[in-house]
C-alpha atoms as a PDB file:
ATOM      1  CA  MET A   1     -26.180   9.767  24.308  1.00  0.00           C
ATOM      2  CA  LYS A   2     -27.344   9.532  27.680  1.00  0.00           C
ATOM      3  CA  LYS A   3     -27.863  13.034  29.393  1.00  0.00           C
ATOM      4  CA  ILE A   4     -26.347  12.979  32.866  1.00  0.00           C
ATOM      5  CA  SER A   5     -27.580  15.957  35.158  1.00  0.00           C
ATOM      6  CA  LYS A   6     -24.946  18.230  37.009  1.00  0.00           C
ATOM      7  CA  LEU A   7     -26.813  18.663  39.851  1.00  0.00           C
ATOM      8  CA  GLN A   8     -28.912  15.478  41.124  1.00  0.00           C
ATOM      9  CA  PHE A   9     -31.462  15.485  43.901  1.00  0.00           C
ATOM     10  CA  ILE A  10     -31.718  12.743  46.514  1.00  0.00           C
ATOM     11  CA  THR A  11     -34.874  11.781  48.473  1.00  0.00           C
ATOM     12  CA  ALA A  12     -37.369   9.558  49.793  1.00  0.00           C
ATOM     13  CA  ASP A  13     -40.301  11.725  49.795  1.00  0.00           C
ATOM     14  CA  PRO A  14     -42.324  13.013  46.646  1.00  0.00           C
ATOM     15  CA  GLN A  15     -43.144  15.964  47.953  1.00  0.00           C
ATOM     16  CA  GLU A  16     -39.520  17.145  48.528  1.00  0.00           C
ATOM     17  CA  ALA A  17     -38.867  15.830  44.972  1.00  0.00           C
ATOM     18  CA  GLU A  18     -41.551  17.880  44.006  1.00  0.00           C
ATOM     19  CA  LEU A  19     -40.417  21.169  45.402  1.00  0.00           C
ATOM     20  CA  ALA A  20     -36.915  20.343  44.105  1.00  0.00           C
ATOM     21  CA  CYS A  21     -38.444  20.281  40.871  1.00  0.00           C
ATOM     22  CA  LYS A  22     -39.969  23.552  40.935  1.00  0.00           C
ATOM     23  CA  ALA A  23     -36.760  25.072  42.429  1.00  0.00           C
ATOM     24  CA  GLY A  24     -35.166  23.947  39.016  1.00  0.00           C
ATOM     25  CA  VAL A  25     -33.699  20.579  39.406  1.00  0.00           C
ATOM     26  CA  ASP A  26     -34.175  17.883  36.799  1.00  0.00           C
ATOM     27  CA  TRP A  27     -32.650  14.898  38.028  1.00  0.00           C
ATOM     28  CA  ILE A  28     -34.442  12.974  40.836  1.00  0.00           C
ATOM     29  CA  GLN A  29     -33.164  10.233  42.835  1.00  0.00           C
ATOM     30  CA  MET A  30     -35.955   8.128  44.649  1.00  0.00           C
ATOM     31  CA  ARG A  31     -33.800   6.432  48.002  1.00  0.00           C
ATOM     32  CA  VAL A  32     -36.398   4.817  49.816  1.00  0.00           C
ATOM     33  CA  LYS A  33     -34.920   2.160  52.413  1.00  0.00           C
ATOM     34  CA  SER A  34     -37.736  -0.294  52.631  1.00  0.00           C
ATOM     35  CA  SER A  35     -38.376  -3.594  51.558  1.00  0.00           C
ATOM     36  CA  ASP A  36     -42.134  -3.402  51.116  1.00  0.00           C
ATOM     37  CA  LYS A  37     -43.077  -3.730  47.586  1.00  0.00           C
ATOM     38  CA  GLN A  38     -46.217  -2.289  47.665  1.00  0.00           C
ATOM     39  CA  LEU A  39     -44.689   1.551  49.697  1.00  0.00           C
ATOM     40  CA  LEU A  40     -41.838   1.282  46.642  1.00  0.00           C
ATOM     41  CA  LEU A  41     -44.445   1.037  43.924  1.00  0.00           C
ATOM     42  CA  GLN A  42     -46.909   3.547  45.491  1.00  0.00           C
ATOM     43  CA  LYS A  43     -44.063   5.972  46.152  1.00  0.00           C
ATOM     44  CA  GLY A  44     -42.410   5.382  42.610  1.00  0.00           C
ATOM     45  CA  ARG A  45     -45.718   6.200  40.960  1.00  0.00           C
ATOM     46  CA  ALA A  46     -45.504   9.372  43.082  1.00  0.00           C
ATOM     47  CA  PHE A  47     -42.164  10.230  41.839  1.00  0.00           C
ATOM     48  CA  GLU A  48     -42.937   9.065  38.457  1.00  0.00           C
ATOM     49  CA  LYS A  49     -45.799  11.794  38.038  1.00  0.00           C
ATOM     50  CA  ILE A  50     -43.908  14.524  39.647  1.00  0.00           C
ATOM     51  CA  CYS A  51     -40.998  14.088  37.217  1.00  0.00           C
ATOM     52  CA  GLN A  52     -43.342  13.953  34.297  1.00  0.00           C
ATOM     53  CA  GLN A  53     -44.786  17.019  35.109  1.00  0.00           C
ATOM     54  CA  TYR A  54     -41.433  18.545  35.285  1.00  0.00           C
ATOM     55  CA  SER A  55     -39.831  16.910  32.439  1.00  0.00           C
ATOM     56  CA  ALA A  56     -37.179  15.493  35.205  1.00  0.00           C
ATOM     57  CA  GLN A  57     -35.367  12.317  34.845  1.00  0.00           C
ATOM     58  CA  LEU A  58     -35.911   9.865  37.518  1.00  0.00           C
ATOM     59  CA  ILE A  59     -33.446   7.235  39.198  1.00  0.00           C
ATOM     60  CA  ILE A  60     -34.577   4.433  41.125  1.00  0.00           C
ATOM     61  CA  ASN A  61     -32.077   3.638  43.817  1.00  0.00           C
ATOM     62  CA  ASP A  62     -30.834   0.171  44.565  1.00  0.00           C
ATOM     63  CA  HIS A  63     -35.102  -1.672  43.757  1.00  0.00           C
ATOM     64  CA  VAL A  64     -33.823  -2.410  40.071  1.00  0.00           C
ATOM     65  CA  TRP A  65     -37.497  -4.454  39.786  1.00  0.00           C
ATOM     66  CA  LEU A  66     -39.491  -0.700  40.005  1.00  0.00           C
ATOM     67  CA  TYR A  67     -37.433   0.412  37.059  1.00  0.00           C
ATOM     68  CA  HIS A  68     -39.632  -2.295  35.177  1.00  0.00           C
ATOM     69  CA  GLU A  69     -42.991  -1.150  36.479  1.00  0.00           C
ATOM     70  CA  ILE A  70     -42.660   2.854  36.182  1.00  0.00           C
ATOM     71  CA  GLN A  71     -41.194   5.194  33.718  1.00  0.00           C
ATOM     72  CA  ALA A  72     -37.660   5.709  35.003  1.00  0.00           C
ATOM     73  CA  ALA A  73     -34.589   6.800  33.394  1.00  0.00           C
ATOM     74  CA  GLY A  74     -32.710   4.637  35.319  1.00  0.00           C
ATOM     75  CA  VAL A  75     -30.796   3.092  38.384  1.00  0.00           C
ATOM     76  CA  HIS A  76     -28.294   3.978  41.002  1.00  0.00           C
ATOM     77  CA  VAL A  77     -26.662   1.108  42.544  1.00  0.00           C
ATOM     78  CA  GLY A  78     -24.863   0.816  46.328  1.00  0.00           C
ATOM     79  CA  LYS A  79     -21.441  -0.924  46.761  1.00  0.00           C
ATOM     80  CA  GLN A  80     -22.891  -3.719  48.586  1.00  0.00           C
ATOM     81  CA  ASP A  81     -25.771  -3.970  45.843  1.00  0.00           C
ATOM     82  CA  MET A  82     -25.801  -6.029  42.208  1.00  0.00           C
ATOM     83  CA  GLY A  83     -23.406  -5.604  39.860  1.00  0.00           C
ATOM     84  CA  ILE A  84     -23.377  -2.643  36.746  1.00  0.00           C
ATOM     85  CA  ALA A  85     -23.249  -5.910  34.117  1.00  0.00           C
ATOM     86  CA  GLU A  86     -25.783  -7.476  36.069  1.00  0.00           C
ATOM     87  CA  VAL A  87     -28.368  -4.726  36.161  1.00  0.00           C
ATOM     88  CA  ARG A  88     -27.385  -3.664  32.857  1.00  0.00           C
ATOM     89  CA  ASN A  89     -28.759  -7.230  31.825  1.00  0.00           C
ATOM     90  CA  LEU A  90     -32.037  -6.891  33.412  1.00  0.00           C
ATOM     91  CA  ILE A  91     -33.057  -3.185  32.585  1.00  0.00           C
ATOM     92  CA  GLY A  92     -31.006  -2.625  29.231  1.00  0.00           C
ATOM     93  CA  ALA A  93     -28.673  -0.692  27.089  1.00  0.00           C
ATOM     94  CA  ASN A  94     -30.997   2.335  26.846  1.00  0.00           C
ATOM     95  CA  ALA A  95     -31.084   2.576  30.767  1.00  0.00           C
ATOM     96  CA  ILE A  96     -28.993   5.463  32.791  1.00  0.00           C
ATOM     97  CA  ILE A  97     -26.655   3.052  35.589  1.00  0.00           C
ATOM     98  CA  GLY A  98     -24.984   4.878  38.022  1.00  0.00           C
ATOM     99  CA  GLY A  99     -22.734   3.245  40.818  1.00  0.00           C
ATOM    100  CA  THR A 100     -21.330   4.229  44.691  1.00  0.00           C
ATOM    101  CA  SER A 101     -18.204   4.448  45.013  1.00  0.00           C
ATOM    102  CA  ASN A 102     -15.468   5.897  47.781  1.00  0.00           C
ATOM    103  CA  ALA A 103     -12.075   4.865  46.962  1.00  0.00           C
ATOM    104  CA  GLU A 104      -9.887   4.416  43.725  1.00  0.00           C
ATOM    105  CA  GLU A 105     -10.500   0.496  43.006  1.00  0.00           C
ATOM    106  CA  ASP A 106     -14.646   1.263  43.655  1.00  0.00           C
ATOM    107  CA  VAL A 107     -14.213   4.084  40.492  1.00  0.00           C
ATOM    108  CA  GLN A 108     -11.921   1.731  38.335  1.00  0.00           C
ATOM    109  CA  ASN A 109     -14.595  -1.245  38.922  1.00  0.00           C
ATOM    110  CA  LEU A 110     -17.640   0.636  37.966  1.00  0.00           C
ATOM    111  CA  MET A 111     -15.658   2.300  34.859  1.00  0.00           C
ATOM    112  CA  ASP A 112     -14.652  -1.070  33.771  1.00  0.00           C
ATOM    113  CA  GLN A 113     -18.500  -2.204  34.173  1.00  0.00           C
ATOM    114  CA  LYS A 114     -19.466   0.829  31.958  1.00  0.00           C
ATOM    115  CA  ALA A 115     -21.183   2.822  34.468  1.00  0.00           C
ATOM    116  CA  ASP A 116     -22.627   5.690  33.067  1.00  0.00           C
ATOM    117  CA  TYR A 117     -21.433   7.862  36.090  1.00  0.00           C
ATOM    118  CA  ILE A 118     -20.450   6.994  39.342  1.00  0.00           C
ATOM    119  CA  GLY A 119     -21.288   8.644  42.257  1.00  0.00           C
ATOM    120  CA  LEU A 120     -17.857   9.494  44.562  1.00  0.00           C
ATOM    121  CA  GLY A 121     -18.170  10.136  48.287  1.00  0.00           C
ATOM    122  CA  PRO A 122     -18.776  11.108  50.952  1.00  0.00           C
ATOM    123  CA  PHE A 123     -17.416  14.571  50.556  1.00  0.00           C
ATOM    124  CA  ARG A 124     -18.159  15.412  54.165  1.00  0.00           C
ATOM    125  CA  PHE A 125     -20.068  13.910  56.876  1.00  0.00           C
ATOM    126  CA  THR A 126     -23.689  13.735  55.983  1.00  0.00           C
ATOM    127  CA  SER A 127     -26.665  11.975  58.393  1.00  0.00           C
ATOM    128  CA  THR A 128     -28.782  11.017  55.431  1.00  0.00           C
ATOM    129  CA  LYS A 129     -26.995   7.995  55.195  1.00  0.00           C
ATOM    130  CA  GLU A 130     -26.260   5.126  57.694  1.00  0.00           C
ATOM    131  CA  LYS A 131     -23.100   3.236  57.678  1.00  0.00           C
ATOM    132  CA  LEU A 132     -21.259   6.408  56.082  1.00  0.00           C
ATOM    133  CA  SER A 133     -18.099   5.351  54.344  1.00  0.00           C
ATOM    134  CA  PRO A 134     -14.497   6.817  55.023  1.00  0.00           C
ATOM    135  CA  ILE A 135     -15.075  10.908  54.456  1.00  0.00           C
ATOM    136  CA  LEU A 136     -12.957  11.692  51.132  1.00  0.00           C
ATOM    137  CA  GLY A 137     -13.212  15.953  51.386  1.00  0.00           C
ATOM    138  CA  LEU A 138     -11.839  17.811  48.282  1.00  0.00           C
ATOM    139  CA  SER A 139      -8.137  16.008  48.705  1.00  0.00           C
ATOM    140  CA  GLY A 140      -9.493  12.653  48.881  1.00  0.00           C
ATOM    141  CA  ILE A 141     -11.867  13.074  45.513  1.00  0.00           C
ATOM    142  CA  VAL A 142      -8.833  15.026  43.795  1.00  0.00           C
ATOM    143  CA  ASP A 143      -6.237  12.063  44.572  1.00  0.00           C
ATOM    144  CA  ILE A 144      -8.652   9.866  43.016  1.00  0.00           C
ATOM    145  CA  LEU A 145      -9.449  11.832  40.214  1.00  0.00           C
ATOM    146  CA  GLN A 146      -5.734  12.141  39.205  1.00  0.00           C
ATOM    147  CA  ALA A 147      -4.763   9.052  39.555  1.00  0.00           C
ATOM    148  CA  LEU A 148      -7.528   7.636  37.317  1.00  0.00           C
ATOM    149  CA  ASP A 149      -8.344  10.555  35.396  1.00  0.00           C
ATOM    150  CA  PRO A 150     -11.943   9.048  34.971  1.00  0.00           C
ATOM    151  CA  LYS A 151     -13.758   9.126  31.491  1.00  0.00           C
ATOM    152  CA  VAL A 152     -17.125   8.833  32.894  1.00  0.00           C
ATOM    153  CA  PRO A 153     -18.890  11.469  34.710  1.00  0.00           C
ATOM    154  CA  ILE A 154     -18.167  11.871  38.203  1.00  0.00           C
ATOM    155  CA  ILE A 155     -20.596  12.919  41.024  1.00  0.00           C
ATOM    156  CA  ALA A 156     -19.345  14.110  43.878  1.00  0.00           C
ATOM    157  CA  ILE A 157     -21.752  13.385  47.090  1.00  0.00           C
ATOM    158  CA  GLY A 158     -22.091  13.913  50.629  1.00  0.00           C
ATOM    159  CA  GLY A 159     -22.806  16.934  52.701  1.00  0.00           C
ATOM    160  CA  LEU A 160     -22.567  19.072  50.239  1.00  0.00           C
ATOM    161  CA  GLN A 161     -23.174  23.155  50.127  1.00  0.00           C
ATOM    162  CA  PRO A 162     -22.932  25.497  47.049  1.00  0.00           C
ATOM    163  CA  GLU A 163     -19.761  26.824  47.927  1.00  0.00           C
ATOM    164  CA  ASP A 164     -18.027  23.425  47.417  1.00  0.00           C
ATOM    165  CA  THR A 165     -18.802  22.919  43.634  1.00  0.00           C
ATOM    166  CA  SER A 166     -16.712  25.094  41.904  1.00  0.00           C
ATOM    167  CA  GLY A 167     -13.650  23.367  43.708  1.00  0.00           C
ATOM    168  CA  LEU A 168     -15.023  20.149  42.692  1.00  0.00           C
ATOM    169  CA  VAL A 169     -15.630  20.930  39.011  1.00  0.00           C
ATOM    170  CA  ARG A 170     -11.930  22.385  38.829  1.00  0.00           C
ATOM    171  CA  SER A 171     -10.790  19.031  40.177  1.00  0.00           C
ATOM    172  CA  GLY A 172     -12.703  17.109  37.692  1.00  0.00           C
ATOM    173  CA  CYS A 173     -15.796  16.188  38.683  1.00  0.00           C
ATOM    174  CA  TYR A 174     -18.666  16.541  36.523  1.00  0.00           C
ATOM    175  CA  GLY A 175     -21.316  17.424  38.890  1.00  0.00           C
ATOM    176  CA  VAL A 176     -22.840  16.744  42.427  1.00  0.00           C
ATOM    177  CA  ALA A 177     -25.380  15.398  44.244  1.00  0.00           C
ATOM    178  CA  VAL A 178     -27.116  16.405  47.305  1.00  0.00           C
ATOM    179  CA  SER A 179     -30.202  15.969  49.543  1.00  0.00           C
ATOM    180  CA  GLY A 180     -30.545  18.056  52.835  1.00  0.00           C
ATOM    181  CA  ALA A 181     -28.524  21.198  51.416  1.00  0.00           C
ATOM    182  CA  ILE A 182     -32.015  21.727  48.950  1.00  0.00           C
ATOM    183  CA  ALA A 183     -34.389  20.064  50.994  1.00  0.00           C
ATOM    184  CA  ASN A 184     -33.587  21.900  54.117  1.00  0.00           C
ATOM    185  CA  ALA A 185     -33.249  25.524  52.438  1.00  0.00           C
ATOM    186  CA  SER A 186     -35.977  28.317  53.188  1.00  0.00           C
ATOM    187  CA  ASP A 187     -35.326  29.269  49.506  1.00  0.00           C
ATOM    188  CA  LYS A 188     -34.749  26.114  47.293  1.00  0.00           C
ATOM    189  CA  THR A 189     -34.780  28.135  43.987  1.00  0.00           C
ATOM    190  CA  GLN A 190     -32.282  30.527  44.922  1.00  0.00           C
ATOM    191  CA  LYS A 191     -30.323  27.177  46.822  1.00  0.00           C
ATOM    192  CA  VAL A 192     -30.504  25.404  43.117  1.00  0.00           C
ATOM    193  CA  GLU A 193     -29.519  28.514  41.211  1.00  0.00           C
ATOM    194  CA  GLU A 194     -26.413  28.743  43.580  1.00  0.00           C
ATOM    195  CA  PHE A 195     -25.344  25.243  43.231  1.00  0.00           C
ATOM    196  CA  LYS A 196     -25.641  25.811  39.000  1.00  0.00           C
ATOM    197  CA  ARG A 197     -23.554  28.642  39.153  1.00  0.00           C
ATOM    198  CA  GLY A 198     -20.672  26.854  41.268  1.00  0.00           C
ATOM    199  CA  LEU A 199     -20.997  24.396  38.461  1.00  0.00           C
ATOM    200  CA  GLU A 200     -20.649  26.252  35.245  1.00  0.00           C
ATOM    201  CA  VAL A 201     -17.230  27.206  36.433  1.00  0.00           C
END
């Protein structure tokens, strides 16, 4: 069975990834918005080394080809990117494949395509993503989960803080994906522990 972490950390910076792993994160999504293959490969190898050192799972955002170049656990695809089924054909049944959703039809589509997990958001405004989809908030996420009762892990995303997690979990979310909340924390270990406590509800 594929292991999906309840606390996922998203970053473009290998150093941030290492600090997050030191703080107790076991899932890193490498999200680098670049078309320079050499740069992506260089960064990918840096991420790979860190994740192996800390026994963390590495997920590549968008750049499916990079999965074959490094030892990653899987790929995350955005709404405007390649479909899950197409990615599955390229990287195989054993890889973890996640997708991004913002509405009920997105979640249903990803479930139909047999995504291993689904990122749902944004929960609130986040500066880490350009072309931000409509903000859902807790009520928007609850509405989608109640309408669909998904059997695939739903990962809330978008400007999340530890105090948001318990309400999301009670509403049916499996976990959360965060960036700035951990990256900008002065005490990253404490912040990771706060997130984990909230996710244990």
